[in-house]
């Protein structure tokens, strides 16, 4: 069965203009034409159209969709699977909202009036978290929230006090707080580097959240430097004093640039982008540029650091980086910089 463009538009709900555009850019070219020159779409064309529209719902650009469809491992089954996952997330969000509304209704029916500030804070955090976290991740955080929740305000206040007094991150006081900080973060995120990376991005991008939590950009930078200092003791088992000093000298750029780059790479991994994609190779080259600037370009230093990462898990703890990400970057670099 072959469909003309108008019939396909009517039955699919997609405009003729859109179908013409897909044809013009080579995204969906009809398999046949009538004697009069009309576009004719067959079953395979319609299956491809389904893939295109499904990917559009995943907020992919037309260029990205074209690149994905050109891959030999592209399949309709995998796209349908992604659709199912996306719909499941929507259902979970709707179910969570319904449950929240049930609880609010119960409060109101019993004469309990929530405070206005509580309403506004809850609404703002719900909206904010939806921008950065999946429903599953939000549920995970809620289930972990009780872990050390009472310790956070005092810890944040203690860190601010050290900063106000000008206490260096190398001090025993700062190092003790860094250990507590690392432990609480691990409990809250369940040790998930992806979730940690997303939370870090959310805190950096949302000034209102920084104000409410007290975890400001300056505080995060201070704690990152304190945690980094504690890890230098582990690096010292593998690196020379000169190599360690170079890392200390470059720590400021590490603190300011590395977390954002880690978050970008994590998003690329989770979106299913492979090491063969130019955007991933570009991220890997940025990583290598920052890495070389931080530790130097000496291959022997790089070898020592790989050994440290493999043998000392605590070095990567709390960074959002794991062995899977390092392997992903190595694959991309081998393609971008073939030997």
C-alpha atoms as a PDB file:
ATOM      1  CA  UNK A   1       0.000   0.000   0.000  1.00  0.00           C
ATOM      2  CA  UNK A   2       1.341   3.409  -1.013  1.00  0.00           C
ATOM      3  CA  UNK A   3       0.193   6.706   0.455  1.00  0.00           C
ATOM      4  CA  UNK A   4       0.349  10.120  -1.169  1.00  0.00           C
ATOM      5  CA  UNK A   5       1.790  12.913   0.931  1.00  0.00           C
ATOM      6  CA  UNK A   6      -1.634  14.425   1.649  1.00  0.00           C
ATOM      7  CA  UNK A   7      -3.069  11.088   2.806  1.00  0.00           C
ATOM      8  CA  UNK A   8      -0.037  10.415   5.003  1.00  0.00           C
ATOM      9  CA  UNK A   9      -0.351  13.896   6.496  1.00  0.00           C
ATOM     10  CA  UNK A  10      -4.046  13.366   7.243  1.00  0.00           C
ATOM     11  CA  UNK A  11      -3.587   9.942   8.830  1.00  0.00           C
ATOM     12  CA  UNK A  12      -0.435  10.765  10.802  1.00  0.00           C
ATOM     13  CA  UNK A  13      -1.347  14.254  11.976  1.00  0.00           C
ATOM     14  CA  UNK A  14       1.868  15.654  10.496  1.00  0.00           C
ATOM     15  CA  UNK A  15       1.585  18.601   8.137  1.00  0.00           C
ATOM     16  CA  UNK A  16       2.348  18.313   4.438  1.00  0.00           C
ATOM     17  CA  UNK A  17       4.824  21.152   4.874  1.00  0.00           C
ATOM     18  CA  UNK A  18       6.748  19.133   7.496  1.00  0.00           C
ATOM     19  CA  UNK A  19       6.850  16.065   5.251  1.00  0.00           C
ATOM     20  CA  UNK A  20       8.116  18.185   2.372  1.00  0.00           C
ATOM     21  CA  UNK A  21      10.804  19.612   4.655  1.00  0.00           C
ATOM     22  CA  UNK A  22      11.895  16.132   5.758  1.00  0.00           C
ATOM     23  CA  UNK A  23      12.193  15.203   2.082  1.00  0.00           C
ATOM     24  CA  UNK A  24      14.144  18.362   1.236  1.00  0.00           C
ATOM     25  CA  UNK A  25      16.790  17.721   3.909  1.00  0.00           C
ATOM     26  CA  UNK A  26      17.038  14.009   3.097  1.00  0.00           C
ATOM     27  CA  UNK A  27      15.576  12.857   6.399  1.00  0.00           C
ATOM     28  CA  UNK A  28      12.575  11.081   4.885  1.00  0.00           C
ATOM     29  CA  UNK A  29      12.618  10.587   1.136  1.00  0.00           C
ATOM     30  CA  UNK A  30       9.563   8.748  -0.270  1.00  0.00           C
ATOM     31  CA  UNK A  31      10.431   5.445  -1.891  1.00  0.00           C
ATOM     32  CA  UNK A  32       8.353   6.038  -5.011  1.00  0.00           C
ATOM     33  CA  UNK A  33       6.621   8.636  -7.116  1.00  0.00           C
ATOM     34  CA  UNK A  34       3.504   8.344  -9.195  1.00  0.00           C
ATOM     35  CA  UNK A  35       3.456   8.923 -12.941  1.00  0.00           C
ATOM     36  CA  UNK A  36       2.253  12.420 -12.170  1.00  0.00           C
ATOM     37  CA  UNK A  37       5.211  13.028  -9.855  1.00  0.00           C
ATOM     38  CA  UNK A  38       3.379  12.723  -6.519  1.00  0.00           C
ATOM     39  CA  UNK A  39       5.361  11.489  -3.556  1.00  0.00           C
ATOM     40  CA  UNK A  40       4.395   7.946  -2.542  1.00  0.00           C
ATOM     41  CA  UNK A  41       5.262   6.506   0.873  1.00  0.00           C
ATOM     42  CA  UNK A  42       5.431   2.776   1.602  1.00  0.00           C
ATOM     43  CA  UNK A  43       5.485   0.799   4.840  1.00  0.00           C
ATOM     44  CA  UNK A  44       9.236   1.285   5.385  1.00  0.00           C
ATOM     45  CA  UNK A  45       8.897   5.041   4.885  1.00  0.00           C
ATOM     46  CA  UNK A  46       6.138   5.187   7.501  1.00  0.00           C
ATOM     47  CA  UNK A  47       8.232   3.126   9.938  1.00  0.00           C
ATOM     48  CA  UNK A  48      11.083   5.616   9.452  1.00  0.00           C
ATOM     49  CA  UNK A  49       8.646   8.475  10.025  1.00  0.00           C
ATOM     50  CA  UNK A  50       7.694   6.843  13.311  1.00  0.00           C
ATOM     51  CA  UNK A  51      11.362   6.792  14.310  1.00  0.00           C
ATOM     52  CA  UNK A  52      11.767  10.451  13.386  1.00  0.00           C
ATOM     53  CA  UNK A  53       8.741  11.583  15.363  1.00  0.00           C
ATOM     54  CA  UNK A  54       9.693   9.425  18.339  1.00  0.00           C
ATOM     55  CA  UNK A  55      13.141  11.006  18.432  1.00  0.00           C
ATOM     56  CA  UNK A  56      11.627  14.474  18.114  1.00  0.00           C
ATOM     57  CA  UNK A  57       9.697  13.745  21.310  1.00  0.00           C
ATOM     58  CA  UNK A  58      13.061  13.038  22.948  1.00  0.00           C
ATOM     59  CA  UNK A  59      14.109  16.629  22.084  1.00  0.00           C
ATOM     60  CA  UNK A  60      16.685  15.597  19.481  1.00  0.00           C
ATOM     61  CA  UNK A  61      17.491  17.968  16.634  1.00  0.00           C
ATOM     62  CA  UNK A  62      16.774  16.944  13.036  1.00  0.00           C
ATOM     63  CA  UNK A  63      20.530  16.822  12.389  1.00  0.00           C
ATOM     64  CA  UNK A  64      21.040  14.457  15.329  1.00  0.00           C
ATOM     65  CA  UNK A  65      18.113  12.316  14.202  1.00  0.00           C
ATOM     66  CA  UNK A  66      19.576  12.025  10.720  1.00  0.00           C
ATOM     67  CA  UNK A  67      22.929  10.975  12.162  1.00  0.00           C
ATOM     68  CA  UNK A  68      21.314   8.372  14.404  1.00  0.00           C
ATOM     69  CA  UNK A  69      19.226   6.897  11.607  1.00  0.00           C
ATOM     70  CA  UNK A  70      22.312   6.645   9.421  1.00  0.00           C
ATOM     71  CA  UNK A  71      23.985   4.383  11.953  1.00  0.00           C
ATOM     72  CA  UNK A  72      23.947   0.679  11.011  1.00  0.00           C
ATOM     73  CA  UNK A  73      22.800  -0.312  14.512  1.00  0.00           C
ATOM     74  CA  UNK A  74      19.739   1.949  14.381  1.00  0.00           C
ATOM     75  CA  UNK A  75      16.508   0.015  14.797  1.00  0.00           C
ATOM     76  CA  UNK A  76      12.823   0.758  15.207  1.00  0.00           C
ATOM     77  CA  UNK A  77      12.688  -1.540  18.234  1.00  0.00           C
ATOM     78  CA  UNK A  78      15.259   0.564  20.103  1.00  0.00           C
ATOM     79  CA  UNK A  79      13.359   3.761  19.321  1.00  0.00           C
ATOM     80  CA  UNK A  80      10.083   2.247  20.545  1.00  0.00           C
ATOM     81  CA  UNK A  81      11.925   1.178  23.690  1.00  0.00           C
ATOM     82  CA  UNK A  82      13.029   4.787  24.243  1.00  0.00           C
ATOM     83  CA  UNK A  83       9.448   5.948  23.735  1.00  0.00           C
ATOM     84  CA  UNK A  84       8.236   3.479  26.329  1.00  0.00           C
ATOM     85  CA  UNK A  85      10.875   4.704  28.776  1.00  0.00           C
ATOM     86  CA  UNK A  86       9.936   8.351  28.149  1.00  0.00           C
ATOM     87  CA  UNK A  87       6.236   7.630  28.651  1.00  0.00           C
ATOM     88  CA  UNK A  88       7.015   5.692  31.821  1.00  0.00           C
ATOM     89  CA  UNK A  89       8.838   8.736  33.178  1.00  0.00           C
ATOM     90  CA  UNK A  90       5.838  10.923  32.338  1.00  0.00           C
ATOM     91  CA  UNK A  91       3.502   8.483  34.079  1.00  0.00           C
ATOM     92  CA  UNK A  92       5.760   8.411  37.130  1.00  0.00           C
ATOM     93  CA  UNK A  93       5.769  12.231  37.283  1.00  0.00           C
ATOM     94  CA  UNK A  94       1.984  12.356  36.982  1.00  0.00           C
ATOM     95  CA  UNK A  95       1.591   9.661  39.663  1.00  0.00           C
ATOM     96  CA  UNK A  96       3.907  11.547  42.000  1.00  0.00           C
ATOM     97  CA  UNK A  97       1.991  14.789  41.448  1.00  0.00           C
ATOM     98  CA  UNK A  98      -1.298  12.994  42.077  1.00  0.00           C
ATOM     99  CA  UNK A  99       0.062  11.576  45.347  1.00  0.00           C
ATOM    100  CA  UNK A 100       1.224  15.031  46.407  1.00  0.00           C
ATOM    101  CA  UNK A 101      -2.208  16.470  45.651  1.00  0.00           C
ATOM    102  CA  UNK A 102      -3.885  13.695  47.642  1.00  0.00           C
ATOM    103  CA  UNK A 103      -1.710  14.566  50.652  1.00  0.00           C
ATOM    104  CA  UNK A 104      -2.443  18.267  50.290  1.00  0.00           C
ATOM    105  CA  UNK A 105      -6.161  17.589  49.993  1.00  0.00           C
ATOM    106  CA  UNK A 106      -6.001  15.458  53.149  1.00  0.00           C
ATOM    107  CA  UNK A 107      -4.299  18.292  55.022  1.00  0.00           C
ATOM    108  CA  UNK A 108      -6.840  20.839  53.845  1.00  0.00           C
ATOM    109  CA  UNK A 109      -9.846  18.610  54.616  1.00  0.00           C
ATOM    110  CA  UNK A 110      -8.646  18.135  58.199  1.00  0.00           C
ATOM    111  CA  UNK A 111      -8.302  21.884  58.648  1.00  0.00           C
ATOM    112  CA  UNK A 112      -4.500  21.883  58.453  1.00  0.00           C
ATOM    113  CA  UNK A 113      -3.236  24.882  56.491  1.00  0.00           C
ATOM    114  CA  UNK A 114       0.284  24.534  55.054  1.00  0.00           C
ATOM    115  CA  UNK A 115       2.477  27.610  55.468  1.00  0.00           C
ATOM    116  CA  UNK A 116       2.730  29.812  52.363  1.00  0.00           C
ATOM    117  CA  UNK A 117       6.522  29.536  52.341  1.00  0.00           C
ATOM    118  CA  UNK A 118       6.233  25.745  52.386  1.00  0.00           C
ATOM    119  CA  UNK A 119       3.910  25.834  49.379  1.00  0.00           C
ATOM    120  CA  UNK A 120       6.232  28.084  47.395  1.00  0.00           C
ATOM    121  CA  UNK A 121       9.391  26.197  48.323  1.00  0.00           C
ATOM    122  CA  UNK A 122       7.836  22.862  47.415  1.00  0.00           C
ATOM    123  CA  UNK A 123       6.576  24.158  44.075  1.00  0.00           C
ATOM    124  CA  UNK A 124       9.911  25.750  43.201  1.00  0.00           C
ATOM    125  CA  UNK A 125      11.925  22.658  44.104  1.00  0.00           C
ATOM    126  CA  UNK A 126       9.546  20.379  42.184  1.00  0.00           C
ATOM    127  CA  UNK A 127       9.906  22.518  39.070  1.00  0.00           C
ATOM    128  CA  UNK A 128      13.657  22.883  39.518  1.00  0.00           C
ATOM    129  CA  UNK A 129      14.309  19.188  40.031  1.00  0.00           C
ATOM    130  CA  UNK A 130      12.248  18.309  36.957  1.00  0.00           C
ATOM    131  CA  UNK A 131      14.740  20.326  34.879  1.00  0.00           C
ATOM    132  CA  UNK A 132      17.690  18.231  35.980  1.00  0.00           C
ATOM    133  CA  UNK A 133      16.528  14.893  37.409  1.00  0.00           C
ATOM    134  CA  UNK A 134      14.406  12.012  36.194  1.00  0.00           C
ATOM    135  CA  UNK A 135      11.484  10.927  38.341  1.00  0.00           C
ATOM    136  CA  UNK A 136      13.405   7.807  39.318  1.00  0.00           C
ATOM    137  CA  UNK A 137      16.317   9.950  40.513  1.00  0.00           C
ATOM    138  CA  UNK A 138      13.997  12.216  42.492  1.00  0.00           C
ATOM    139  CA  UNK A 139      12.460   9.163  44.139  1.00  0.00           C
ATOM    140  CA  UNK A 140      15.946   7.879  44.940  1.00  0.00           C
ATOM    141  CA  UNK A 141      16.875  11.169  46.592  1.00  0.00           C
ATOM    142  CA  UNK A 142      13.663  11.189  48.625  1.00  0.00           C
ATOM    143  CA  UNK A 143      14.390   7.680  49.880  1.00  0.00           C
ATOM    144  CA  UNK A 144      17.968   8.694  50.785  1.00  0.00           C
ATOM    145  CA  UNK A 145      17.045  12.069  52.255  1.00  0.00           C
ATOM    146  CA  UNK A 146      16.832  10.826  55.830  1.00  0.00           C
ATOM    147  CA  UNK A 147      20.469   9.679  55.659  1.00  0.00           C
ATOM    148  CA  UNK A 148      22.354  12.389  57.560  1.00  0.00           C
ATOM    149  CA  UNK A 149      19.700  15.025  56.815  1.00  0.00           C
ATOM    150  CA  UNK A 150      20.020  16.533  60.280  1.00  0.00           C
ATOM    151  CA  UNK A 151      23.793  16.899  59.835  1.00  0.00           C
ATOM    152  CA  UNK A 152      23.736  19.065  56.711  1.00  0.00           C
ATOM    153  CA  UNK A 153      22.752  22.473  58.190  1.00  0.00           C
ATOM    154  CA  UNK A 154      25.426  22.296  60.894  1.00  0.00           C
ATOM    155  CA  UNK A 155      28.049  21.138  58.386  1.00  0.00           C
ATOM    156  CA  UNK A 156      27.245  23.930  55.915  1.00  0.00           C
ATOM    157  CA  UNK A 157      27.364  26.482  58.741  1.00  0.00           C
ATOM    158  CA  UNK A 158      30.723  25.114  59.902  1.00  0.00           C
ATOM    159  CA  UNK A 159      32.206  25.390  56.399  1.00  0.00           C
ATOM    160  CA  UNK A 160      31.019  28.994  56.061  1.00  0.00           C
ATOM    161  CA  UNK A 161      32.606  29.753  59.435  1.00  0.00           C
ATOM    162  CA  UNK A 162      35.979  28.424  58.242  1.00  0.00           C
ATOM    163  CA  UNK A 163      35.719  30.436  55.039  1.00  0.00           C
ATOM    164  CA  UNK A 164      34.850  33.618  56.967  1.00  0.00           C
ATOM    165  CA  UNK A 165      37.898  33.098  59.190  1.00  0.00           C
ATOM    166  CA  UNK A 166      40.133  32.538  56.182  1.00  0.00           C
ATOM    167  CA  UNK A 167      41.126  29.031  57.274  1.00  0.00           C
ATOM    168  CA  UNK A 168      43.037  27.300  54.438  1.00  0.00           C
ATOM    169  CA  UNK A 169      41.724  24.070  52.948  1.00  0.00           C
ATOM    170  CA  UNK A 170      44.913  22.289  54.046  1.00  0.00           C
ATOM    171  CA  UNK A 171      44.088  22.811  57.733  1.00  0.00           C
ATOM    172  CA  UNK A 172      43.054  19.917  59.954  1.00  0.00           C
ATOM    173  CA  UNK A 173      39.688  21.649  60.545  1.00  0.00           C
ATOM    174  CA  UNK A 174      38.914  21.900  56.823  1.00  0.00           C
ATOM    175  CA  UNK A 175      40.078  18.345  56.212  1.00  0.00           C
ATOM    176  CA  UNK A 176      37.775  17.014  58.947  1.00  0.00           C
ATOM    177  CA  UNK A 177      34.812  18.833  57.393  1.00  0.00           C
ATOM    178  CA  UNK A 178      35.790  17.533  53.937  1.00  0.00           C
ATOM    179  CA  UNK A 179      35.615  13.960  55.234  1.00  0.00           C
ATOM    180  CA  UNK A 180      32.154  14.577  56.714  1.00  0.00           C
ATOM    181  CA  UNK A 181      31.044  16.242  53.474  1.00  0.00           C
ATOM    182  CA  UNK A 182      32.201  13.329  51.317  1.00  0.00           C
ATOM    183  CA  UNK A 183      30.462  10.829  53.583  1.00  0.00           C
ATOM    184  CA  UNK A 184      27.133  12.695  53.560  1.00  0.00           C
ATOM    185  CA  UNK A 185      27.203  13.183  49.773  1.00  0.00           C
ATOM    186  CA  UNK A 186      27.832   9.456  49.287  1.00  0.00           C
ATOM    187  CA  UNK A 187      24.882   8.612  51.560  1.00  0.00           C
ATOM    188  CA  UNK A 188      22.576  11.110  49.819  1.00  0.00           C
ATOM    189  CA  UNK A 189      23.412  10.021  46.252  1.00  0.00           C
ATOM    190  CA  UNK A 190      23.881   6.351  47.017  1.00  0.00           C
ATOM    191  CA  UNK A 191      27.335   6.656  45.461  1.00  0.00           C
ATOM    192  CA  UNK A 192      25.819   7.238  42.009  1.00  0.00           C
ATOM    193  CA  UNK A 193      28.298   9.379  39.974  1.00  0.00           C
ATOM    194  CA  UNK A 194      25.616  10.331  37.449  1.00  0.00           C
ATOM    195  CA  UNK A 195      23.283  11.626  40.158  1.00  0.00           C
ATOM    196  CA  UNK A 196      26.143  13.460  41.833  1.00  0.00           C
ATOM    197  CA  UNK A 197      27.041  15.162  38.554  1.00  0.00           C
ATOM    198  CA  UNK A 198      23.434  16.274  37.979  1.00  0.00           C
ATOM    199  CA  UNK A 199      23.090  17.649  41.512  1.00  0.00           C
ATOM    200  CA  UNK A 200      26.325  19.559  41.093  1.00  0.00           C
ATOM    201  CA  UNK A 201      25.039  21.073  37.836  1.00  0.00           C
ATOM    202  CA  UNK A 202      21.702  21.993  39.448  1.00  0.00           C
ATOM    203  CA  UNK A 203      23.407  23.755  42.357  1.00  0.00           C
ATOM    204  CA  UNK A 204      25.742  25.673  40.061  1.00  0.00           C
ATOM    205  CA  UNK A 205      22.942  26.786  37.715  1.00  0.00           C
ATOM    206  CA  UNK A 206      20.281  27.735  40.283  1.00  0.00           C
ATOM    207  CA  UNK A 207      21.185  30.755  42.457  1.00  0.00           C
ATOM    208  CA  UNK A 208      17.908  30.501  44.382  1.00  0.00           C
ATOM    209  CA  UNK A 209      18.826  26.963  45.448  1.00  0.00           C
ATOM    210  CA  UNK A 210      22.226  28.180  46.619  1.00  0.00           C
ATOM    211  CA  UNK A 211      20.534  30.830  48.757  1.00  0.00           C
ATOM    212  CA  UNK A 212      18.085  28.349  50.294  1.00  0.00           C
ATOM    213  CA  UNK A 213      20.623  25.612  50.951  1.00  0.00           C
ATOM    214  CA  UNK A 214      23.595  27.780  51.836  1.00  0.00           C
ATOM    215  CA  UNK A 215      25.703  25.715  49.422  1.00  0.00           C
ATOM    216  CA  UNK A 216      27.043  28.621  47.393  1.00  0.00           C
ATOM    217  CA  UNK A 217      29.430  28.470  44.455  1.00  0.00           C
ATOM    218  CA  UNK A 218      32.200  29.707  46.749  1.00  0.00           C
ATOM    219  CA  UNK A 219      31.454  27.023  49.329  1.00  0.00           C
ATOM    220  CA  UNK A 220      31.450  24.290  46.674  1.00  0.00           C
ATOM    221  CA  UNK A 221      34.814  25.512  45.375  1.00  0.00           C
ATOM    222  CA  UNK A 222      36.242  25.580  48.913  1.00  0.00           C
ATOM    223  CA  UNK A 223      35.071  22.046  49.677  1.00  0.00           C
ATOM    224  CA  UNK A 224      36.293  20.771  46.305  1.00  0.00           C
ATOM    225  CA  UNK A 225      39.774  22.128  47.045  1.00  0.00           C
ATOM    226  CA  UNK A 226      39.680  20.630  50.553  1.00  0.00           C
ATOM    227  CA  UNK A 227      38.654  17.225  49.212  1.00  0.00           C
ATOM    228  CA  UNK A 228      41.278  17.461  46.489  1.00  0.00           C
ATOM    229  CA  UNK A 229      43.945  18.168  49.093  1.00  0.00           C
ATOM    230  CA  UNK A 230      43.060  14.982  50.974  1.00  0.00           C
ATOM    231  CA  UNK A 231      43.419  13.015  47.745  1.00  0.00           C
ATOM    232  CA  UNK A 232      46.896  14.352  47.087  1.00  0.00           C
ATOM    233  CA  UNK A 233      48.088  11.991  49.806  1.00  0.00           C
ATOM    234  CA  UNK A 234      46.929   9.132  47.578  1.00  0.00           C
ATOM    235  CA  UNK A 235      48.447  10.685  44.461  1.00  0.00           C
ATOM    236  CA  UNK A 236      51.756  10.987  46.322  1.00  0.00           C
ATOM    237  CA  UNK A 237      52.041   7.198  46.301  1.00  0.00           C
ATOM    238  CA  UNK A 238      52.329   7.312  42.492  1.00  0.00           C
ATOM    239  CA  UNK A 239      53.647  10.749  41.465  1.00  0.00           C
ATOM    240  CA  UNK A 240      56.869  12.625  41.993  1.00  0.00           C
ATOM    241  CA  UNK A 241      56.939  15.820  44.107  1.00  0.00           C
ATOM    242  CA  UNK A 242      57.290  17.844  40.885  1.00  0.00           C
ATOM    243  CA  UNK A 243      54.236  16.188  39.338  1.00  0.00           C
ATOM    244  CA  UNK A 244      52.209  16.781  42.500  1.00  0.00           C
ATOM    245  CA  UNK A 245      53.220  20.433  42.588  1.00  0.00           C
ATOM    246  CA  UNK A 246      52.086  20.943  39.007  1.00  0.00           C
ATOM    247  CA  UNK A 247      48.667  19.534  39.941  1.00  0.00           C
ATOM    248  CA  UNK A 248      48.454  21.837  42.961  1.00  0.00           C
ATOM    249  CA  UNK A 249      49.375  24.829  40.794  1.00  0.00           C
ATOM    250  CA  UNK A 250      46.586  23.967  38.340  1.00  0.00           C
ATOM    251  CA  UNK A 251      43.951  23.215  40.947  1.00  0.00           C
ATOM    252  CA  UNK A 252      42.110  26.517  40.495  1.00  0.00           C
ATOM    253  CA  UNK A 253      41.283  25.773  36.859  1.00  0.00           C
ATOM    254  CA  UNK A 254      40.375  22.189  37.791  1.00  0.00           C
ATOM    255  CA  UNK A 255      37.859  23.390  40.379  1.00  0.00           C
ATOM    256  CA  UNK A 256      36.267  25.928  38.028  1.00  0.00           C
ATOM    257  CA  UNK A 257      36.105  23.926  34.779  1.00  0.00           C
ATOM    258  CA  UNK A 258      36.143  20.202  35.520  1.00  0.00           C
ATOM    259  CA  UNK A 259      32.673  19.707  37.124  1.00  0.00           C
ATOM    260  CA  UNK A 260      30.843  21.270  34.173  1.00  0.00           C
ATOM    261  CA  UNK A 261      32.790  19.184  31.676  1.00  0.00           C
ATOM    262  CA  UNK A 262      32.120  16.010  33.672  1.00  0.00           C
ATOM    263  CA  UNK A 263      28.393  16.803  33.605  1.00  0.00           C
ATOM    264  CA  UNK A 264      28.445  17.281  29.817  1.00  0.00           C
ATOM    265  CA  UNK A 265      30.226  13.966  29.280  1.00  0.00           C
ATOM    266  CA  UNK A 266      27.828  12.190  31.622  1.00  0.00           C
ATOM    267  CA  UNK A 267      24.848  13.562  29.665  1.00  0.00           C
ATOM    268  CA  UNK A 268      26.380  12.351  26.394  1.00  0.00           C
ATOM    269  CA  UNK A 269      26.869   8.863  27.862  1.00  0.00           C
ATOM    270  CA  UNK A 270      23.338   8.656  29.205  1.00  0.00           C
ATOM    271  CA  UNK A 271      21.786   9.897  25.966  1.00  0.00           C
ATOM    272  CA  UNK A 272      23.307   6.912  24.150  1.00  0.00           C
ATOM    273  CA  UNK A 273      25.877   8.845  22.136  1.00  0.00           C
ATOM    274  CA  UNK A 274      28.800   6.652  21.113  1.00  0.00           C
ATOM    275  CA  UNK A 275      32.496   7.467  21.006  1.00  0.00           C
ATOM    276  CA  UNK A 276      32.223   7.659  17.201  1.00  0.00           C
ATOM    277  CA  UNK A 277      30.079  10.804  17.310  1.00  0.00           C
ATOM    278  CA  UNK A 278      31.931  14.090  16.644  1.00  0.00           C
ATOM    279  CA  UNK A 279      30.286  15.828  19.614  1.00  0.00           C
ATOM    280  CA  UNK A 280      31.655  13.152  21.971  1.00  0.00           C
ATOM    281  CA  UNK A 281      35.120  13.366  20.425  1.00  0.00           C
ATOM    282  CA  UNK A 282      35.010  17.134  20.905  1.00  0.00           C
ATOM    283  CA  UNK A 283      34.251  16.621  24.605  1.00  0.00           C
ATOM    284  CA  UNK A 284      37.088  14.111  24.852  1.00  0.00           C
ATOM    285  CA  UNK A 285      39.523  16.586  23.283  1.00  0.00           C
ATOM    286  CA  UNK A 286      38.420  19.261  25.771  1.00  0.00           C
ATOM    287  CA  UNK A 287      39.016  16.730  28.541  1.00  0.00           C
ATOM    288  CA  UNK A 288      42.490  15.987  27.226  1.00  0.00           C
ATOM    289  CA  UNK A 289      43.322  19.688  26.907  1.00  0.00           C
ATOM    290  CA  UNK A 290      42.321  20.348  30.505  1.00  0.00           C
ATOM    291  CA  UNK A 291      44.031  17.163  31.691  1.00  0.00           C
ATOM    292  CA  UNK A 292      47.321  18.073  29.969  1.00  0.00           C
ATOM    293  CA  UNK A 293      47.141  21.587  31.344  1.00  0.00           C
ATOM    294  CA  UNK A 294      46.572  20.135  34.810  1.00  0.00           C
ATOM    295  CA  UNK A 295      49.149  17.313  34.974  1.00  0.00           C
ATOM    296  CA  UNK A 296      51.332  17.916  31.916  1.00  0.00           C
ATOM    297  CA  UNK A 297      51.586  16.024  28.616  1.00  0.00           C
ATOM    298  CA  UNK A 298      54.156  13.439  29.739  1.00  0.00           C
ATOM    299  CA  UNK A 299      52.830   9.924  28.865  1.00  0.00           C
ATOM    300  CA  UNK A 300      54.647   8.492  31.897  1.00  0.00           C
ATOM    301  CA  UNK A 301      52.699  10.830  34.210  1.00  0.00           C
ATOM    302  CA  UNK A 302      49.501   9.753  32.500  1.00  0.00           C
ATOM    303  CA  UNK A 303      50.418   6.098  33.058  1.00  0.00           C
ATOM    304  CA  UNK A 304      51.000   6.740  36.763  1.00  0.00           C
ATOM    305  CA  UNK A 305      47.646   8.497  37.080  1.00  0.00           C
ATOM    306  CA  UNK A 306      45.818   5.623  35.384  1.00  0.00           C
ATOM    307  CA  UNK A 307      47.376   3.289  37.926  1.00  0.00           C
ATOM    308  CA  UNK A 308      46.276   5.598  40.746  1.00  0.00           C
ATOM    309  CA  UNK A 309      42.694   5.704  39.463  1.00  0.00           C
ATOM    310  CA  UNK A 310      42.570   1.920  39.185  1.00  0.00           C
ATOM    311  CA  UNK A 311      44.145   1.192  42.568  1.00  0.00           C
ATOM    312  CA  UNK A 312      42.728   4.048  44.670  1.00  0.00           C
ATOM    313  CA  UNK A 313      38.920   4.275  44.253  1.00  0.00           C
ATOM    314  CA  UNK A 314      38.794   7.097  46.798  1.00  0.00           C
ATOM    315  CA  UNK A 315      40.501   9.418  44.297  1.00  0.00           C
ATOM    316  CA  UNK A 316      37.449   9.401  42.008  1.00  0.00           C
ATOM    317  CA  UNK A 317      34.895   9.307  44.823  1.00  0.00           C
ATOM    318  CA  UNK A 318      32.700  12.395  44.773  1.00  0.00           C
ATOM    319  CA  UNK A 319      33.933  13.617  41.373  1.00  0.00           C
ATOM    320  CA  UNK A 320      31.158  12.227  39.160  1.00  0.00           C
ATOM    321  CA  UNK A 321      33.866  10.301  37.280  1.00  0.00           C
ATOM    322  CA  UNK A 322      34.029   6.512  37.215  1.00  0.00           C
ATOM    323  CA  UNK A 323      35.880   3.834  35.283  1.00  0.00           C
ATOM    324  CA  UNK A 324      33.068   3.621  32.710  1.00  0.00           C
ATOM    325  CA  UNK A 325      33.489   7.317  31.890  1.00  0.00           C
ATOM    326  CA  UNK A 326      37.261   6.994  31.605  1.00  0.00           C
ATOM    327  CA  UNK A 327      36.877   4.073  29.188  1.00  0.00           C
ATOM    328  CA  UNK A 328      34.314   6.092  27.178  1.00  0.00           C
ATOM    329  CA  UNK A 329      36.785   8.985  26.895  1.00  0.00           C
ATOM    330  CA  UNK A 330      39.653   6.696  25.898  1.00  0.00           C
ATOM    331  CA  UNK A 331      37.550   5.239  23.085  1.00  0.00           C
ATOM    332  CA  UNK A 332      36.645   8.714  21.815  1.00  0.00           C
ATOM    333  CA  UNK A 333      40.240   9.896  21.975  1.00  0.00           C
ATOM    334  CA  UNK A 334      41.512   6.892  20.053  1.00  0.00           C
ATOM    335  CA  UNK A 335      39.152   7.862  17.230  1.00  0.00           C
ATOM    336  CA  UNK A 336      39.795  11.602  17.443  1.00  0.00           C
ATOM    337  CA  UNK A 337      43.571  11.217  17.777  1.00  0.00           C
ATOM    338  CA  UNK A 338      44.526   7.990  15.941  1.00  0.00           C
ATOM    339  CA  UNK A 339      48.125   6.911  16.430  1.00  0.00           C
END
